[in-house]
Amino acid sequence: MRWVMSFLFVVQMYAMMAIMGIVFLPWALLSHHGARAACKTYCRWVRFTARWMVGLRTEVRGPIPQDEVLIAAKHQSFLDIILIFGAIPAGKFIMKRELMWAPVIGQYALRIGCVPVARGKRGQAIAKMLKDVHDGAALPGQLIIYPQGTRIAPGVKAPYKVGTALLYEQTGQACVPAATNVGLFWPRKGIYRKPGLAVVEFLPRIEPGLDRDSFLQQLQEEVETASNALMKEAGFDAQA
């Protein structure tokens, strides 16, 4: 029965994405406030239906950043995107350029100020990302980046990339690390959703002024330690 409900949840989730995208489109075209309102409404819908249909409760912990900061988050599945964006006032993501061509997602991502990054030569990609972030600074908000560059399954180790440290230097803003355990309940791939408590936790901010290596080391230690603690709380031992 859980498989059936998971399937129905996924179907309605994507159907509602299309419906809300169409309903909010006139407002979204007129103003980025309309696009952001649509995305936040969708986040609330996903959280509500996840709890109702598959028993997946969600929680956001820690002080939610309200000012212009860099948010460097652990990325395990689409759910952590939902939780982070729904919690903060004006989020905008560093995201894969391929997603800009996705129906609904791509159009709304551009309207809320997301920065697309092309895969390719590392130096060129980073330089383009830094330029786009600088050019898009006129639209204030919280810039969200995934330091490992992609979704990472629970228990899997992956390096933290230098792009986050370069953004930390360029923006001169504080960085708010964010940990999560959502991958235990909502996997990177597949349909099945497990019941339980999925959490995103905002951690104490890292103030500006650290050098790249010190920043990346501190960021990785804090995010991984907190994420492992959240997963252990949910019954998964990342160290096993």
Protein backbone atom coordinates (compact mmCIF):
# COMPACT_ATOMS: atom_id res chain seq x y z
CA MET A 1 0.00 0.00 0.00
CA ARG A 2 2.88 2.39 0.74
CA TRP A 3 4.18 1.90 -2.79
CA VAL A 4 0.76 2.82 -4.19
CA MET A 5 0.49 5.92 -2.03
CA SER A 6 4.05 6.92 -2.91
CA PHE A 7 3.20 6.61 -6.61
CA LEU A 8 0.04 8.68 -6.21
CA PHE A 9 1.95 11.27 -4.20
CA VAL A 10 4.59 11.66 -6.92
CA VAL A 11 1.95 11.88 -9.67
CA GLN A 12 -0.07 14.59 -7.93
CA MET A 13 3.09 16.45 -6.95
CA TYR A 14 4.17 16.93 -10.56
CA ALA A 15 0.62 17.53 -11.73
CA MET A 16 0.23 20.30 -9.16
CA MET A 17 3.54 21.81 -10.26
CA ALA A 18 2.10 22.24 -13.75
CA ILE A 19 -1.25 23.51 -12.49
CA MET A 20 0.27 26.09 -10.14
CA GLY A 21 2.74 27.11 -12.81
CA ILE A 22 -0.12 27.95 -15.17
CA VAL A 23 -2.31 29.62 -12.54
CA PHE A 24 0.46 31.90 -11.25
CA LEU A 25 2.01 32.58 -14.67
CA PRO A 26 0.46 36.03 -15.34
CA TRP A 27 1.61 37.32 -11.93
CA ALA A 28 5.00 35.64 -12.32
CA LEU A 29 5.55 37.33 -15.69
CA LEU A 30 4.71 40.73 -14.22
CA SER A 31 6.82 40.42 -11.08
CA HIS A 32 9.39 38.18 -9.46
CA HIS A 33 7.21 38.46 -6.35
CA GLY A 34 4.55 36.47 -8.20
CA ALA A 35 7.06 33.80 -9.17
CA ARG A 36 8.29 33.53 -5.60
CA ALA A 37 4.73 33.32 -4.26
CA ALA A 38 4.02 30.46 -6.65
CA CYS A 39 7.11 28.55 -5.56
CA LYS A 40 6.37 29.04 -1.87
CA THR A 41 2.77 27.92 -2.33
CA TYR A 42 4.04 24.81 -4.06
CA CYS A 43 6.49 24.11 -1.23
CA ARG A 44 3.66 24.26 1.30
CA TRP A 45 1.56 21.93 -0.86
CA VAL A 46 4.31 19.32 -1.15
CA ARG A 47 4.93 19.34 2.61
CA PHE A 48 1.21 19.03 3.34
CA THR A 49 0.59 16.18 0.89
CA ALA A 50 3.77 14.34 1.93
CA ARG A 51 2.49 14.18 5.50
CA TRP A 52 -1.08 13.33 4.51
CA MET A 53 -0.36 10.77 1.78
CA VAL A 54 2.85 9.01 2.82
CA GLY A 55 3.31 9.92 6.49
CA LEU A 56 6.42 11.99 5.81
CA ARG A 57 6.59 14.85 8.28
CA THR A 58 8.99 17.74 7.72
CA GLU A 59 10.74 20.17 10.04
CA VAL A 60 13.07 23.15 9.66
CA ARG A 61 15.38 23.76 12.62
CA GLY A 62 17.78 26.50 13.61
CA PRO A 63 17.72 30.27 13.07
CA ILE A 64 16.28 30.93 9.61
CA PRO A 65 18.41 33.54 7.79
CA GLN A 66 16.51 36.69 6.89
CA ASP A 67 19.33 38.84 5.51
CA GLU A 68 21.47 38.48 2.40
CA VAL A 69 23.72 35.51 3.07
CA LEU A 70 25.21 32.57 1.26
CA ILE A 71 23.52 29.30 2.23
CA ALA A 72 25.71 26.23 1.70
CA ALA A 73 23.55 23.15 2.07
CA LYS A 74 23.78 19.40 2.09
CA HIS A 75 21.80 18.09 -0.89
CA GLN A 76 20.19 14.65 -0.74
CA SER A 77 16.96 15.00 -2.72
CA PHE A 78 14.33 17.39 -4.08
CA LEU A 79 12.84 17.62 -0.60
CA ASP A 80 15.70 19.66 0.87
CA ILE A 81 15.15 22.19 -1.92
CA ILE A 82 11.49 22.40 -0.90
CA LEU A 83 12.29 22.87 2.78
CA ILE A 84 15.03 25.45 2.34
CA PHE A 85 13.25 27.59 -0.22
CA GLY A 86 9.97 27.46 1.67
CA ALA A 87 11.62 28.61 4.89
CA ILE A 88 13.67 31.61 3.78
CA PRO A 89 12.34 34.95 2.52
CA ALA A 90 13.95 35.22 -0.93
CA GLY A 91 15.95 32.19 -1.96
CA LYS A 92 17.74 31.81 -5.29
CA PHE A 93 19.79 28.77 -6.25
CA ILE A 94 23.01 28.02 -8.04
CA MET A 95 21.61 25.32 -10.35
CA LYS A 96 22.52 23.13 -13.28
CA ARG A 97 21.96 24.89 -16.61
CA GLU A 98 20.06 21.85 -17.93
CA LEU A 99 17.26 22.57 -15.47
CA MET A 100 16.57 25.90 -17.13
CA TRP A 101 14.97 23.98 -20.01
CA ALA A 102 12.70 21.94 -17.75
CA PRO A 103 8.99 22.84 -18.05
CA VAL A 104 7.76 25.18 -15.30
CA ILE A 105 10.89 24.76 -13.14
CA GLY A 106 13.16 26.53 -15.59
CA GLN A 107 10.92 29.50 -16.23
CA TYR A 108 10.20 30.12 -12.57
CA ALA A 109 13.84 29.62 -11.59
CA LEU A 110 14.85 32.46 -13.88
CA ARG A 111 12.14 34.72 -12.48
CA ILE A 112 13.30 34.28 -8.87
CA GLY A 113 16.93 34.97 -9.75
CA CYS A 114 18.52 31.51 -9.88
CA VAL A 115 21.97 31.31 -11.45
CA PRO A 116 22.44 28.54 -14.06
CA VAL A 117 25.85 26.89 -14.20
CA ALA A 118 27.01 24.94 -17.24
CA ARG A 119 28.91 21.70 -16.87
CA GLY A 120 32.24 21.66 -18.63
CA LYS A 121 35.72 22.95 -18.00
CA ARG A 122 35.98 23.72 -14.33
CA GLY A 123 37.71 27.10 -14.64
CA GLN A 124 35.31 28.42 -17.27
CA ALA A 125 32.26 27.21 -15.36
CA ILE A 126 33.41 28.86 -12.12
CA ALA A 127 34.28 32.14 -13.84
CA LYS A 128 30.85 32.25 -15.51
CA MET A 129 29.12 31.44 -12.21
CA LEU A 130 30.93 34.24 -10.39
CA LYS A 131 30.06 36.73 -13.14
CA ASP A 132 26.39 35.70 -13.18
CA VAL A 133 26.15 35.98 -9.39
CA HIS A 134 27.70 39.46 -9.56
CA ASP A 135 25.32 40.52 -12.35
CA GLY A 136 22.31 39.14 -10.48
CA ALA A 137 23.13 40.84 -7.18
CA ALA A 138 20.54 43.54 -7.90
CA LEU A 139 17.83 41.05 -6.96
CA PRO A 140 18.40 40.70 -3.20
CA GLY A 141 17.98 37.42 -1.40
CA GLN A 142 19.66 34.37 0.02
CA LEU A 143 21.93 32.63 -2.49
CA ILE A 144 21.79 28.84 -2.06
CA ILE A 145 24.58 26.59 -3.26
CA TYR A 146 25.22 22.88 -2.85
CA PRO A 147 28.96 22.60 -2.10
CA GLN A 148 29.17 18.98 -3.30
CA GLY A 149 27.60 19.97 -6.61
CA THR A 150 24.89 17.33 -6.76
CA ARG A 151 22.61 15.10 -4.70
CA ILE A 152 24.55 12.79 -2.40
CA ALA A 153 22.92 9.69 -0.94
CA PRO A 154 23.09 9.18 2.85
CA GLY A 155 26.37 7.61 3.91
CA VAL A 156 28.17 8.43 0.65
CA LYS A 157 31.23 10.68 0.85
CA ALA A 158 31.91 13.35 -1.78
CA PRO A 159 34.29 16.32 -1.80
CA TYR A 160 33.25 19.91 -1.20
CA LYS A 161 34.09 21.98 -4.27
CA VAL A 162 35.99 25.24 -4.34
CA GLY A 163 33.17 27.18 -6.04
CA THR A 164 31.45 27.73 -2.70
CA ALA A 165 34.62 29.22 -1.20
CA LEU A 166 35.02 31.54 -4.19
CA LEU A 167 31.44 32.78 -3.77
CA TYR A 168 32.08 33.28 -0.06
CA GLU A 169 35.07 35.46 -0.96
CA GLN A 170 33.37 37.37 -3.77
CA THR A 171 30.14 38.23 -1.99
CA GLY A 172 31.80 39.14 1.29
CA GLN A 173 28.71 37.74 2.98
CA ALA A 174 28.36 35.38 5.91
CA CYS A 175 27.71 31.75 5.03
CA VAL A 176 24.95 29.78 6.71
CA PRO A 177 25.62 26.00 6.55
CA ALA A 178 22.59 23.73 6.32
CA ALA A 179 22.43 20.04 7.22
CA THR A 180 19.77 17.48 6.38
CA ASN A 181 18.60 13.86 6.61
CA VAL A 182 15.90 14.00 3.90
CA GLY A 183 17.58 11.37 1.73
CA LEU A 184 16.61 8.69 4.23
CA PHE A 185 12.94 9.22 3.39
CA TRP A 186 12.93 10.77 -0.08
CA PRO A 187 15.70 9.19 -2.19
CA ARG A 188 17.71 10.71 -5.02
CA LYS A 189 15.92 8.42 -7.47
CA GLY A 190 12.83 6.26 -7.38
CA ILE A 191 9.23 6.63 -6.27
CA TYR A 192 9.01 5.10 -2.81
CA ARG A 193 8.73 7.62 0.04
CA LYS A 194 9.24 6.44 3.62
CA PRO A 195 7.29 7.76 6.62
CA GLY A 196 9.23 9.59 9.30
CA LEU A 197 10.61 13.03 10.15
CA ALA A 198 12.71 14.72 7.45
CA VAL A 199 14.73 17.66 8.75
CA VAL A 200 16.71 20.57 7.38
CA GLU A 201 18.76 22.39 10.00
CA PHE A 202 20.30 25.82 9.60
CA LEU A 203 23.60 25.96 11.51
CA PRO A 204 25.48 28.91 13.06
CA ARG A 205 26.79 31.20 10.37
CA ILE A 206 30.40 31.38 9.27
CA GLU A 207 31.36 35.04 9.24
CA PRO A 208 33.35 36.57 6.36
CA GLY A 209 37.12 36.72 6.48
CA LEU A 210 38.37 33.13 6.40
CA ASP A 211 40.74 31.97 3.68
CA ARG A 212 39.43 29.40 1.17
CA ASP A 213 40.93 26.30 2.72
CA SER A 214 39.91 27.20 6.28
CA PHE A 215 36.40 28.07 5.13
CA LEU A 216 35.90 24.83 3.18
CA GLN A 217 37.28 22.73 6.03
CA GLN A 218 35.00 24.37 8.58
CA LEU A 219 32.00 24.18 6.26
CA GLN A 220 32.50 20.49 5.55
CA GLU A 221 33.07 19.57 9.18
CA GLU A 222 29.98 21.41 10.37
CA VAL A 223 27.61 20.24 7.64
CA GLU A 224 28.74 16.62 7.69
CA THR A 225 28.73 16.38 11.49
CA ALA A 226 25.25 17.88 11.77
CA SER A 227 23.88 15.81 8.88
CA ASN A 228 25.24 12.62 10.41
CA ALA A 229 23.62 13.55 13.72
CA LEU A 230 20.25 14.12 12.02
CA MET A 231 20.52 10.79 10.21
CA LYS A 232 21.49 9.01 13.42
CA GLU A 233 18.47 10.58 15.11
CA ALA A 234 16.37 8.99 12.36
CA GLY A 235 17.98 5.57 12.92
CA PHE A 236 20.74 5.64 10.28
CA ASP A 237 24.39 5.44 11.28
CA ALA A 238 26.49 7.15 8.60
CA GLN A 239 29.67 5.89 10.26
CA ALA A 240 28.69 2.22 10.08
